Amino acid sequence: MKKLIAIILTLICYNLQAQVTTLTAGQPAPDFNLKNVDNKDISFASFSDAKGYLLVFTCNTCPVSKAYEQRIIDLNNKFASAGYPVIAVNPNDPDASRGDSFEKMQDLAKSKKYPFPYLYDNGQTITNLYGARNTPHLFIVSKTDKGNMIVYTGAIDNDPEETNGSATKYAEQVISALIKGEKPSLTSTKAIGCTVKRRAR
C-alpha cells in the first residue's frame, strides 16, 4: 500500500510539473510582492538603484540548493554593488515539504547570514508564473525601456557538486555581459536540482 501511495504521489507531482510553462529570455519578468524572512514585503521596486536582478528559486531542503548556498551568496556579494542583487524565493509548498516552512526559512537565512531577501511564495503564485521547475532555478532579469525583461533562465553553473575546476559559470557570464552593456550570448541552460514540491490540486 505504501508503495502504491508513493507511486500515486509521484504521478501527481509529475502531472503538476508538466502543467507549468517556464518563462524564457525575451519575455517580461512578472513583478511580485512577497514576504521576506524579516516579515517585510519585497518587490523589484524595493531595489530602486538596481539595473537588473538575479531571481533564484531555491529552498531549505534540496541537496543541490544546499550545495549552491555559498555560491548564491557570492553572486550577490560580487554583483549587488554593480546593480544586480540576488532575490531568492522558496518555491516549495510547506505542506509538501515540511522543511520549507516560513519559520525554517527564517532559521536558514539567519544561520547562513543571507545578505539578500529570502521570500515566501504563499500559494506558489510567483513560482507558477515564472514556471520554476527546480531548486535552484535561476532567472536573470534586466531593466530595460520595455520594463523588466528576462535575459537568461536555467542553471547557475555546470558544476553542482563543485568538483570541476574548469566549470562554466553561466550566471557570471551573463551578468558580466550586461554590466558591459552587451547582449548576453547565453540565454538558457537546463536547470539542475530537485523538482519543485508543488501542492496537490
N, C-alpha and C. Protein backbone atom coordinates (compact mmCIF):
# COMPACT_ATOMS: atom_id res chain seq x y z
N MET A 1 0.83 -1.21 0.00
CA MET A 1 0.00 0.00 0.00
C MET A 1 0.87 1.27 0.00
N LYS A 2 1.92 1.27 0.82
CA LYS A 2 2.80 2.43 0.88
C LYS A 2 3.45 2.70 -0.47
N LYS A 3 3.84 1.60 -1.15
CA LYS A 3 4.46 1.74 -2.46
C LYS A 3 3.48 2.33 -3.47
N LEU A 4 2.21 1.90 -3.39
CA LEU A 4 1.17 2.41 -4.28
C LEU A 4 0.94 3.90 -4.05
N ILE A 5 0.89 4.30 -2.79
CA ILE A 5 0.71 5.72 -2.45
C ILE A 5 1.87 6.55 -2.98
N ALA A 6 3.08 6.03 -2.84
CA ALA A 6 4.27 6.75 -3.32
C ALA A 6 4.21 6.93 -4.83
N ILE A 7 3.76 5.89 -5.54
CA ILE A 7 3.64 5.97 -6.99
C ILE A 7 2.60 7.01 -7.40
N ILE A 8 1.48 7.01 -6.70
CA ILE A 8 0.41 7.97 -6.99
C ILE A 8 0.88 9.40 -6.76
N LEU A 9 1.59 9.63 -5.65
CA LEU A 9 2.10 10.97 -5.36
C LEU A 9 3.12 11.41 -6.40
N THR A 10 3.95 10.47 -6.85
CA THR A 10 4.94 10.79 -7.89
C THR A 10 4.25 11.19 -9.18
N LEU A 11 3.19 10.47 -9.54
CA LEU A 11 2.44 10.78 -10.76
C LEU A 11 1.75 12.14 -10.65
N ILE A 12 1.23 12.45 -9.47
CA ILE A 12 0.59 13.76 -9.26
C ILE A 12 1.61 14.87 -9.42
N CYS A 13 2.78 14.70 -8.81
CA CYS A 13 3.84 15.72 -8.90
C CYS A 13 4.29 15.90 -10.35
N TYR A 14 4.43 14.78 -11.07
CA TYR A 14 4.85 14.84 -12.47
C TYR A 14 3.83 15.59 -13.29
N ASN A 15 2.54 15.32 -13.04
CA ASN A 15 1.47 15.99 -13.78
C ASN A 15 1.46 17.49 -13.50
N LEU A 16 1.68 17.87 -12.25
CA LEU A 16 1.73 19.30 -11.89
C LEU A 16 2.90 19.98 -12.56
N GLN A 17 4.05 19.30 -12.61
CA GLN A 17 5.23 19.85 -13.28
C GLN A 17 4.96 20.05 -14.77
N ALA A 18 4.26 19.08 -15.36
CA ALA A 18 4.00 19.13 -16.80
C ALA A 18 3.10 20.30 -17.17
N GLN A 19 2.29 20.75 -16.22
CA GLN A 19 1.35 21.84 -16.48
C GLN A 19 2.02 23.21 -16.41
N VAL A 20 3.25 23.25 -15.94
CA VAL A 20 3.95 24.52 -15.74
C VAL A 20 4.70 24.92 -17.01
N THR A 21 4.55 26.17 -17.42
CA THR A 21 5.28 26.70 -18.57
C THR A 21 6.35 27.67 -18.06
N THR A 22 7.60 27.38 -18.35
CA THR A 22 8.71 28.19 -17.87
C THR A 22 8.93 29.40 -18.78
N LEU A 23 9.01 30.58 -18.18
CA LEU A 23 9.29 31.79 -18.95
C LEU A 23 10.70 31.72 -19.52
N THR A 24 10.89 32.37 -20.66
CA THR A 24 12.18 32.32 -21.34
C THR A 24 12.70 33.72 -21.63
N ALA A 25 13.94 33.80 -22.09
CA ALA A 25 14.57 35.07 -22.42
C ALA A 25 13.73 35.82 -23.45
N GLY A 26 13.60 37.13 -23.23
CA GLY A 26 12.82 37.96 -24.12
C GLY A 26 11.40 38.21 -23.64
N GLN A 27 10.99 37.49 -22.59
CA GLN A 27 9.66 37.69 -22.03
C GLN A 27 9.71 38.63 -20.83
N PRO A 28 8.61 39.36 -20.57
CA PRO A 28 8.57 40.23 -19.40
C PRO A 28 8.70 39.42 -18.11
N ALA A 29 9.37 39.99 -17.13
CA ALA A 29 9.52 39.35 -15.82
C ALA A 29 8.39 39.83 -14.91
N PRO A 30 7.47 38.95 -14.54
CA PRO A 30 6.36 39.36 -13.68
C PRO A 30 6.86 39.93 -12.35
N ASP A 31 6.23 41.02 -11.92
CA ASP A 31 6.58 41.59 -10.63
C ASP A 31 5.89 40.77 -9.53
N PHE A 32 6.23 41.06 -8.32
CA PHE A 32 5.69 40.31 -7.18
C PHE A 32 5.75 41.19 -5.95
N ASN A 33 5.10 40.74 -4.90
CA ASN A 33 5.16 41.40 -3.60
C ASN A 33 5.07 40.30 -2.55
N LEU A 34 6.24 39.80 -2.14
CA LEU A 34 6.29 38.62 -1.28
C LEU A 34 6.95 38.94 0.06
N LYS A 35 6.56 38.16 1.07
CA LYS A 35 7.08 38.38 2.42
C LYS A 35 8.49 37.81 2.56
N ASN A 36 9.37 38.68 3.02
CA ASN A 36 10.75 38.28 3.30
C ASN A 36 10.83 37.64 4.68
N VAL A 37 11.96 37.00 4.97
CA VAL A 37 12.14 36.36 6.27
C VAL A 37 12.15 37.37 7.42
N ASP A 38 12.32 38.66 7.11
CA ASP A 38 12.24 39.69 8.16
C ASP A 38 10.82 40.25 8.27
N ASN A 39 9.86 39.60 7.60
CA ASN A 39 8.43 39.96 7.61
C ASN A 39 8.10 41.22 6.82
N LYS A 40 9.06 41.74 6.06
CA LYS A 40 8.80 42.89 5.20
C LYS A 40 8.50 42.41 3.78
N ASP A 41 7.60 43.12 3.10
CA ASP A 41 7.26 42.77 1.73
C ASP A 41 8.33 43.29 0.77
N ILE A 42 8.69 42.46 -0.19
CA ILE A 42 9.74 42.79 -1.16
C ILE A 42 9.20 42.64 -2.58
N SER A 43 9.56 43.59 -3.44
CA SER A 43 9.26 43.52 -4.87
C SER A 43 10.48 44.01 -5.63
N PHE A 44 10.41 44.00 -6.95
CA PHE A 44 11.52 44.57 -7.73
C PHE A 44 11.76 46.03 -7.35
N ALA A 45 10.68 46.74 -7.06
CA ALA A 45 10.77 48.16 -6.74
C ALA A 45 11.51 48.42 -5.43
N SER A 46 11.70 47.39 -4.64
CA SER A 46 12.43 47.55 -3.37
C SER A 46 13.90 47.88 -3.62
N PHE A 47 14.36 47.66 -4.86
CA PHE A 47 15.75 47.91 -5.23
C PHE A 47 15.77 49.04 -6.25
N SER A 48 15.65 50.26 -5.77
CA SER A 48 15.48 51.41 -6.67
C SER A 48 16.69 51.65 -7.56
N ASP A 49 17.87 51.27 -7.12
CA ASP A 49 19.08 51.51 -7.90
C ASP A 49 19.50 50.32 -8.76
N ALA A 50 18.69 49.27 -8.74
CA ALA A 50 19.07 48.06 -9.47
C ALA A 50 19.00 48.26 -10.98
N LYS A 51 19.90 47.59 -11.67
CA LYS A 51 19.88 47.57 -13.14
C LYS A 51 19.28 46.25 -13.63
N GLY A 52 19.16 45.33 -12.71
CA GLY A 52 18.61 44.02 -13.01
C GLY A 52 18.63 43.17 -11.74
N TYR A 53 18.31 41.90 -11.89
CA TYR A 53 18.16 41.05 -10.72
C TYR A 53 18.57 39.61 -11.05
N LEU A 54 19.09 38.94 -10.04
CA LEU A 54 19.30 37.50 -10.13
C LEU A 54 18.21 36.86 -9.27
N LEU A 55 17.12 36.49 -9.90
CA LEU A 55 15.98 35.91 -9.20
C LEU A 55 16.16 34.40 -9.18
N VAL A 56 16.43 33.86 -8.01
CA VAL A 56 16.73 32.44 -7.91
C VAL A 56 15.70 31.74 -7.02
N PHE A 57 15.10 30.71 -7.57
CA PHE A 57 14.16 29.89 -6.81
C PHE A 57 14.97 28.77 -6.16
N THR A 58 15.04 28.81 -4.85
CA THR A 58 15.85 27.85 -4.10
C THR A 58 15.11 27.51 -2.81
N CYS A 59 15.65 26.59 -2.04
CA CYS A 59 14.90 26.14 -0.86
C CYS A 59 15.84 25.67 0.25
N ASN A 60 15.22 25.24 1.34
CA ASN A 60 15.98 24.76 2.50
C ASN A 60 16.46 23.33 2.35
N THR A 61 15.66 22.50 1.68
CA THR A 61 15.80 21.06 1.83
C THR A 61 16.53 20.34 0.71
N CYS A 62 16.53 20.86 -0.49
CA CYS A 62 17.14 20.17 -1.63
C CYS A 62 18.66 20.12 -1.48
N PRO A 63 19.26 18.96 -1.62
CA PRO A 63 20.73 18.86 -1.51
C PRO A 63 21.45 19.74 -2.53
N VAL A 64 20.87 19.91 -3.71
CA VAL A 64 21.52 20.75 -4.73
C VAL A 64 21.45 22.22 -4.32
N SER A 65 20.31 22.64 -3.78
CA SER A 65 20.20 24.01 -3.27
C SER A 65 21.22 24.25 -2.16
N LYS A 66 21.37 23.27 -1.29
CA LYS A 66 22.35 23.40 -0.21
C LYS A 66 23.77 23.55 -0.78
N ALA A 67 24.04 22.81 -1.85
CA ALA A 67 25.36 22.87 -2.46
C ALA A 67 25.63 24.24 -3.07
N TYR A 68 24.57 24.94 -3.44
CA TYR A 68 24.72 26.25 -4.10
C TYR A 68 24.57 27.43 -3.14
N GLU A 69 24.30 27.19 -1.88
CA GLU A 69 24.06 28.30 -0.94
C GLU A 69 25.18 29.34 -0.96
N GLN A 70 26.41 28.89 -0.80
CA GLN A 70 27.51 29.84 -0.74
C GLN A 70 27.73 30.51 -2.09
N ARG A 71 27.53 29.77 -3.16
CA ARG A 71 27.71 30.38 -4.49
C ARG A 71 26.66 31.46 -4.75
N ILE A 72 25.46 31.27 -4.24
CA ILE A 72 24.43 32.30 -4.39
C ILE A 72 24.80 33.53 -3.57
N ILE A 73 25.31 33.31 -2.36
CA ILE A 73 25.79 34.42 -1.53
C ILE A 73 26.91 35.16 -2.25
N ASP A 74 27.84 34.40 -2.83
CA ASP A 74 28.97 35.01 -3.53
C ASP A 74 28.51 35.83 -4.74
N LEU A 75 27.49 35.35 -5.45
CA LEU A 75 26.97 36.11 -6.60
C LEU A 75 26.42 37.45 -6.14
N ASN A 76 25.70 37.44 -5.02
CA ASN A 76 25.18 38.71 -4.50
C ASN A 76 26.32 39.63 -4.08
N ASN A 77 27.28 39.08 -3.38
CA ASN A 77 28.40 39.91 -2.91
C ASN A 77 29.21 40.49 -4.06
N LYS A 78 29.26 39.76 -5.17
CA LYS A 78 30.04 40.20 -6.32
C LYS A 78 29.30 41.20 -7.19
N PHE A 79 27.97 41.02 -7.34
CA PHE A 79 27.25 41.81 -8.34
C PHE A 79 26.20 42.79 -7.81
N ALA A 80 25.85 42.69 -6.53
CA ALA A 80 24.83 43.62 -6.00
C ALA A 80 25.31 45.07 -6.09
N SER A 81 26.57 45.31 -5.80
CA SER A 81 27.10 46.68 -5.85
C SER A 81 27.15 47.21 -7.28
N ALA A 82 27.13 46.31 -8.26
CA ALA A 82 27.12 46.72 -9.67
C ALA A 82 25.70 46.89 -10.19
N GLY A 83 24.71 46.67 -9.31
CA GLY A 83 23.32 46.89 -9.69
C GLY A 83 22.53 45.63 -9.98
N TYR A 84 23.12 44.46 -9.63
CA TYR A 84 22.45 43.19 -9.91
C TYR A 84 22.37 42.34 -8.63
N PRO A 85 21.44 42.65 -7.75
CA PRO A 85 21.31 41.92 -6.50
C PRO A 85 20.60 40.58 -6.68
N VAL A 86 20.83 39.69 -5.75
CA VAL A 86 20.11 38.41 -5.69
C VAL A 86 18.80 38.61 -4.95
N ILE A 87 17.75 38.00 -5.47
CA ILE A 87 16.48 37.86 -4.76
C ILE A 87 16.15 36.38 -4.77
N ALA A 88 16.08 35.77 -3.59
CA ALA A 88 15.80 34.34 -3.50
C ALA A 88 14.33 34.12 -3.12
N VAL A 89 13.72 33.14 -3.76
CA VAL A 89 12.33 32.77 -3.48
C VAL A 89 12.28 31.28 -3.20
N ASN A 90 11.61 30.90 -2.12
CA ASN A 90 11.41 29.48 -1.84
C ASN A 90 10.15 29.02 -2.56
N PRO A 91 10.28 28.14 -3.58
CA PRO A 91 9.13 27.75 -4.37
C PRO A 91 8.35 26.57 -3.81
N ASN A 92 8.89 25.90 -2.79
CA ASN A 92 8.26 24.68 -2.31
C ASN A 92 7.06 24.95 -1.42
N ASP A 93 6.01 24.16 -1.60
CA ASP A 93 4.86 24.24 -0.72
C ASP A 93 5.21 23.60 0.63
N PRO A 94 5.02 24.30 1.74
CA PRO A 94 5.45 23.76 3.03
C PRO A 94 4.68 22.52 3.47
N ASP A 95 3.47 22.33 2.94
CA ASP A 95 2.74 21.10 3.26
C ASP A 95 3.33 19.90 2.55
N ALA A 96 3.91 20.15 1.36
CA ALA A 96 4.54 19.07 0.60
C ALA A 96 5.99 18.86 1.03
N SER A 97 6.58 19.88 1.66
CA SER A 97 7.97 19.81 2.11
C SER A 97 8.08 20.54 3.44
N ARG A 98 7.92 19.81 4.53
CA ARG A 98 7.82 20.41 5.87
C ARG A 98 9.05 21.22 6.25
N GLY A 99 10.18 20.89 5.66
CA GLY A 99 11.40 21.63 5.99
C GLY A 99 11.48 22.99 5.32
N ASP A 100 10.47 23.35 4.53
CA ASP A 100 10.46 24.62 3.82
C ASP A 100 9.39 25.57 4.34
N SER A 101 9.04 25.44 5.60
CA SER A 101 8.10 26.37 6.22
C SER A 101 8.74 27.75 6.36
N PHE A 102 7.93 28.75 6.58
CA PHE A 102 8.45 30.11 6.73
C PHE A 102 9.41 30.19 7.91
N GLU A 103 9.07 29.50 8.99
CA GLU A 103 9.93 29.53 10.18
C GLU A 103 11.29 28.89 9.89
N LYS A 104 11.27 27.79 9.13
CA LYS A 104 12.53 27.13 8.77
C LYS A 104 13.34 28.03 7.82
N MET A 105 12.65 28.76 6.95
CA MET A 105 13.35 29.71 6.08
C MET A 105 14.05 30.77 6.90
N GLN A 106 13.36 31.28 7.92
CA GLN A 106 13.96 32.30 8.79
C GLN A 106 15.20 31.75 9.48
N ASP A 107 15.12 30.51 9.94
CA ASP A 107 16.26 29.89 10.62
C ASP A 107 17.46 29.77 9.67
N LEU A 108 17.20 29.33 8.45
CA LEU A 108 18.29 29.15 7.49
C LEU A 108 18.92 30.47 7.12
N ALA A 109 18.09 31.47 6.82
CA ALA A 109 18.62 32.78 6.44
C ALA A 109 19.48 33.38 7.54
N LYS A 110 19.08 33.14 8.78
CA LYS A 110 19.84 33.66 9.92
C LYS A 110 21.15 32.90 10.08
N SER A 111 21.09 31.57 9.97
CA SER A 111 22.30 30.76 10.19
C SER A 111 23.33 30.99 9.09
N LYS A 112 22.86 31.20 7.86
CA LYS A 112 23.76 31.41 6.73
C LYS A 112 24.08 32.89 6.50
N LYS A 113 23.44 33.75 7.27
CA LYS A 113 23.64 35.19 7.16
C LYS A 113 23.40 35.68 5.73
N TYR A 114 22.24 35.31 5.20
CA TYR A 114 21.91 35.71 3.84
C TYR A 114 21.96 37.23 3.69
N PRO A 115 22.71 37.74 2.72
CA PRO A 115 22.78 39.20 2.50
C PRO A 115 21.71 39.67 1.51
N PHE A 116 20.77 38.81 1.19
CA PHE A 116 19.73 39.11 0.22
C PHE A 116 18.38 38.64 0.77
N PRO A 117 17.27 39.11 0.20
CA PRO A 117 15.97 38.65 0.65
C PRO A 117 15.76 37.17 0.34
N TYR A 118 15.03 36.51 1.22
CA TYR A 118 14.62 35.12 1.02
C TYR A 118 13.11 35.10 1.21
N LEU A 119 12.38 34.97 0.11
CA LEU A 119 10.96 35.26 0.10
C LEU A 119 10.09 34.00 0.13
N TYR A 120 8.98 34.15 0.82
CA TYR A 120 8.00 33.08 0.97
C TYR A 120 6.90 33.27 -0.06
N ASP A 121 6.75 32.30 -0.94
CA ASP A 121 5.76 32.39 -2.02
C ASP A 121 4.51 31.62 -1.61
N ASN A 122 3.68 32.24 -0.82
CA ASN A 122 2.46 31.61 -0.31
C ASN A 122 1.53 31.25 -1.47
N GLY A 123 1.19 29.97 -1.60
CA GLY A 123 0.34 29.54 -2.68
C GLY A 123 1.07 29.29 -3.99
N GLN A 124 2.39 29.51 -3.99
CA GLN A 124 3.24 29.26 -5.17
C GLN A 124 2.82 30.07 -6.40
N THR A 125 2.24 31.23 -6.18
CA THR A 125 1.75 32.06 -7.29
C THR A 125 2.89 32.50 -8.20
N ILE A 126 3.95 33.05 -7.61
CA ILE A 126 5.07 33.56 -8.41
C ILE A 126 5.87 32.40 -9.00
N THR A 127 6.02 31.35 -8.23
CA THR A 127 6.69 30.15 -8.74
C THR A 127 6.04 29.66 -10.03
N ASN A 128 4.72 29.63 -10.03
CA ASN A 128 4.00 29.15 -11.20
C ASN A 128 3.99 30.17 -12.33
N LEU A 129 4.00 31.46 -11.99
CA LEU A 129 4.06 32.49 -13.03
C LEU A 129 5.37 32.38 -13.82
N TYR A 130 6.45 32.17 -13.11
CA TYR A 130 7.76 32.05 -13.76
C TYR A 130 7.96 30.64 -14.34
N GLY A 131 7.23 29.69 -13.81
CA GLY A 131 7.41 28.33 -14.27
C GLY A 131 8.67 27.69 -13.73
N ALA A 132 9.04 28.07 -12.51
CA ALA A 132 10.22 27.46 -11.89
C ALA A 132 9.97 25.97 -11.68
N ARG A 133 10.93 25.15 -12.09
CA ARG A 133 10.76 23.71 -12.04
C ARG A 133 11.73 23.03 -11.07
N ASN A 134 12.84 23.68 -10.79
CA ASN A 134 13.88 23.04 -9.99
C ASN A 134 14.37 23.97 -8.89
N THR A 135 15.08 23.38 -7.95
CA THR A 135 15.78 24.17 -6.94
C THR A 135 17.25 23.75 -6.96
N PRO A 136 18.11 24.73 -7.36
CA PRO A 136 17.79 26.12 -7.73
C PRO A 136 17.42 26.26 -9.21
N HIS A 137 16.64 27.28 -9.50
CA HIS A 137 16.29 27.65 -10.88
C HIS A 137 16.47 29.16 -10.99
N LEU A 138 17.37 29.58 -11.84
CA LEU A 138 17.76 30.99 -11.92
C LEU A 138 17.10 31.70 -13.10
N PHE A 139 16.59 32.90 -12.82
CA PHE A 139 16.07 33.80 -13.86
C PHE A 139 16.82 35.12 -13.72
N ILE A 140 17.60 35.48 -14.72
CA ILE A 140 18.30 36.77 -14.69
C ILE A 140 17.44 37.79 -15.42
N VAL A 141 17.19 38.89 -14.75
CA VAL A 141 16.28 39.93 -15.24
C VAL A 141 17.05 41.23 -15.45
N SER A 142 16.75 41.90 -16.55
CA SER A 142 17.37 43.19 -16.85
C SER A 142 16.32 44.28 -16.94
N LYS A 143 16.63 45.44 -16.35
CA LYS A 143 15.75 46.60 -16.51
C LYS A 143 15.98 47.19 -17.91
N THR A 144 14.90 47.38 -18.64
CA THR A 144 15.01 47.94 -19.98
C THR A 144 13.95 49.02 -20.17
N ASP A 145 13.97 49.67 -21.33
CA ASP A 145 12.95 50.66 -21.65
C ASP A 145 11.56 50.02 -21.73
N LYS A 146 11.54 48.71 -21.95
CA LYS A 146 10.27 47.99 -22.04
C LYS A 146 9.83 47.41 -20.70
N GLY A 147 10.62 47.69 -19.66
CA GLY A 147 10.33 47.14 -18.35
C GLY A 147 11.31 46.05 -17.98
N ASN A 148 11.00 45.28 -16.97
CA ASN A 148 11.87 44.19 -16.53
C ASN A 148 11.71 43.01 -17.47
N MET A 149 12.83 42.62 -18.11
CA MET A 149 12.78 41.55 -19.09
C MET A 149 13.73 40.41 -18.68
N ILE A 150 13.29 39.21 -18.91
CA ILE A 150 14.14 38.04 -18.65
C ILE A 150 15.20 37.93 -19.75
N VAL A 151 16.45 37.76 -19.35
CA VAL A 151 17.52 37.61 -20.33
C VAL A 151 18.19 36.23 -20.26
N TYR A 152 17.91 35.50 -19.18
CA TYR A 152 18.52 34.17 -19.03
C TYR A 152 17.70 33.34 -18.06
N THR A 153 17.58 32.05 -18.35
CA THR A 153 16.96 31.11 -17.41
C THR A 153 17.78 29.83 -17.37
N GLY A 154 17.80 29.19 -16.21
CA GLY A 154 18.47 27.90 -16.12
C GLY A 154 19.33 27.73 -14.89
N ALA A 155 20.51 27.15 -15.11
CA ALA A 155 21.42 26.81 -14.02
C ALA A 155 22.38 27.96 -13.70
N ILE A 156 22.94 27.93 -12.52
CA ILE A 156 23.93 28.92 -12.09
C ILE A 156 25.28 28.61 -12.74
N ASP A 157 25.61 27.34 -12.82
CA ASP A 157 26.82 26.88 -13.50
C ASP A 157 26.61 25.40 -13.85
N ASN A 158 27.64 24.76 -14.36
CA ASN A 158 27.51 23.36 -14.74
C ASN A 158 28.27 22.43 -13.80
N ASP A 159 28.34 22.85 -12.53
CA ASP A 159 29.15 22.12 -11.56
C ASP A 159 28.42 22.00 -10.22
N PRO A 160 27.28 21.25 -10.18
CA PRO A 160 26.51 21.19 -8.94
C PRO A 160 27.28 20.66 -7.74
N GLU A 161 28.21 19.76 -7.98
CA GLU A 161 28.99 19.19 -6.87
C GLU A 161 30.25 19.99 -6.56
N GLU A 162 30.48 21.04 -7.34
CA GLU A 162 31.63 21.93 -7.15
C GLU A 162 32.95 21.15 -7.11
N THR A 163 33.09 20.29 -8.11
CA THR A 163 34.31 19.48 -8.20
C THR A 163 35.05 19.72 -9.52
N ASN A 164 34.45 20.53 -10.39
CA ASN A 164 35.04 20.78 -11.71
C ASN A 164 35.79 22.10 -11.70
N GLY A 165 37.09 22.02 -11.75
CA GLY A 165 37.92 23.22 -11.70
C GLY A 165 37.77 24.11 -12.93
N SER A 166 37.26 23.55 -14.01
CA SER A 166 37.06 24.33 -15.24
C SER A 166 35.57 24.53 -15.53
N ALA A 167 34.77 24.64 -14.48
CA ALA A 167 33.32 24.79 -14.63
C ALA A 167 32.98 26.08 -15.39
N THR A 168 31.87 26.04 -16.11
CA THR A 168 31.38 27.22 -16.81
C THR A 168 30.40 27.95 -15.89
N LYS A 169 30.71 29.19 -15.57
CA LYS A 169 29.88 29.96 -14.64
C LYS A 169 28.87 30.78 -15.44
N TYR A 170 27.73 30.15 -15.73
CA TYR A 170 26.73 30.76 -16.60
C TYR A 170 26.26 32.12 -16.07
N ALA A 171 25.89 32.16 -14.80
CA ALA A 171 25.35 33.40 -14.22
C ALA A 171 26.36 34.54 -14.32
N GLU A 172 27.60 34.26 -14.01
CA GLU A 172 28.63 35.30 -14.06
C GLU A 172 28.85 35.79 -15.49
N GLN A 173 28.82 34.88 -16.46
CA GLN A 173 28.97 35.27 -17.86
C GLN A 173 27.87 36.24 -18.28
N VAL A 174 26.64 35.91 -17.92
CA VAL A 174 25.50 36.74 -18.33
C VAL A 174 25.56 38.10 -17.67
N ILE A 175 25.81 38.15 -16.38
CA ILE A 175 25.85 39.43 -15.66
C ILE A 175 27.02 40.27 -16.13
N SER A 176 28.15 39.65 -16.37
CA SER A 176 29.32 40.40 -16.86
C SER A 176 29.02 41.05 -18.20
N ALA A 177 28.30 40.36 -19.08
CA ALA A 177 27.91 40.93 -20.37
C ALA A 177 26.98 42.12 -20.16
N LEU A 178 26.02 41.98 -19.27
CA LEU A 178 25.07 43.07 -19.01
C LEU A 178 25.79 44.31 -18.46
N ILE A 179 26.73 44.09 -17.57
CA ILE A 179 27.49 45.21 -16.99
C ILE A 179 28.26 45.96 -18.08
N LYS A 180 28.73 45.24 -19.08
CA LYS A 180 29.45 45.86 -20.20
C LYS A 180 28.51 46.50 -21.22
N GLY A 181 27.22 46.36 -20.99
CA GLY A 181 26.26 46.91 -21.95
C GLY A 181 26.06 46.03 -23.16
N GLU A 182 26.44 44.77 -23.04
CA GLU A 182 26.33 43.83 -24.16
C GLU A 182 25.12 42.92 -23.97
N LYS A 183 24.63 42.39 -25.08
CA LYS A 183 23.55 41.42 -25.03
C LYS A 183 24.16 40.05 -24.77
N PRO A 184 23.73 39.35 -23.71
CA PRO A 184 24.32 38.05 -23.41
C PRO A 184 24.12 37.06 -24.55
N SER A 185 25.17 36.34 -24.90
CA SER A 185 25.06 35.33 -25.95
C SER A 185 24.39 34.07 -25.43
N LEU A 186 24.47 33.86 -24.12
CA LEU A 186 23.85 32.70 -23.49
C LEU A 186 22.51 33.12 -22.90
N THR A 187 21.43 32.45 -23.31
CA THR A 187 20.10 32.84 -22.83
C THR A 187 19.40 31.74 -22.03
N SER A 188 19.87 30.50 -22.14
CA SER A 188 19.23 29.44 -21.37
C SER A 188 20.14 28.23 -21.24
N THR A 189 19.96 27.53 -20.13
CA THR A 189 20.58 26.22 -19.90
C THR A 189 19.55 25.39 -19.15
N LYS A 190 19.83 24.14 -18.96
CA LYS A 190 18.92 23.26 -18.22
C LYS A 190 19.15 23.46 -16.72
N ALA A 191 18.08 23.81 -16.01
CA ALA A 191 18.19 23.97 -14.56
C ALA A 191 18.55 22.64 -13.92
N ILE A 192 19.44 22.69 -12.94
CA ILE A 192 19.92 21.50 -12.25
C ILE A 192 19.41 21.52 -10.82
N GLY A 193 18.77 20.43 -10.38
CA GLY A 193 18.34 20.40 -8.99
C GLY A 193 17.09 19.57 -8.78
N CYS A 194 16.58 19.62 -7.56
CA CYS A 194 15.37 18.88 -7.21
C CYS A 194 14.15 19.53 -7.86
N THR A 195 13.13 18.73 -8.11
CA THR A 195 11.90 19.30 -8.64
C THR A 195 11.20 20.09 -7.55
N VAL A 196 10.51 21.16 -7.97
CA VAL A 196 9.74 21.97 -7.03
C VAL A 196 8.63 21.12 -6.44
N LYS A 197 8.47 21.22 -5.12
CA LYS A 197 7.44 20.45 -4.41
C LYS A 197 6.13 21.26 -4.44
N ARG A 198 5.26 20.90 -5.37
CA ARG A 198 4.01 21.62 -5.57
C ARG A 198 2.88 21.02 -4.77
N ARG A 199 1.97 21.88 -4.38
CA ARG A 199 0.79 21.44 -3.65
C ARG A 199 -0.12 20.62 -4.56
N ALA A 200 -0.60 19.49 -4.08
CA ALA A 200 -1.52 18.68 -4.87
C ALA A 200 -2.84 19.42 -5.03
N ARG A 201 -3.32 19.49 -6.26
CA ARG A 201 -4.56 20.21 -6.53
C ARG A 201 -5.71 19.22 -6.66
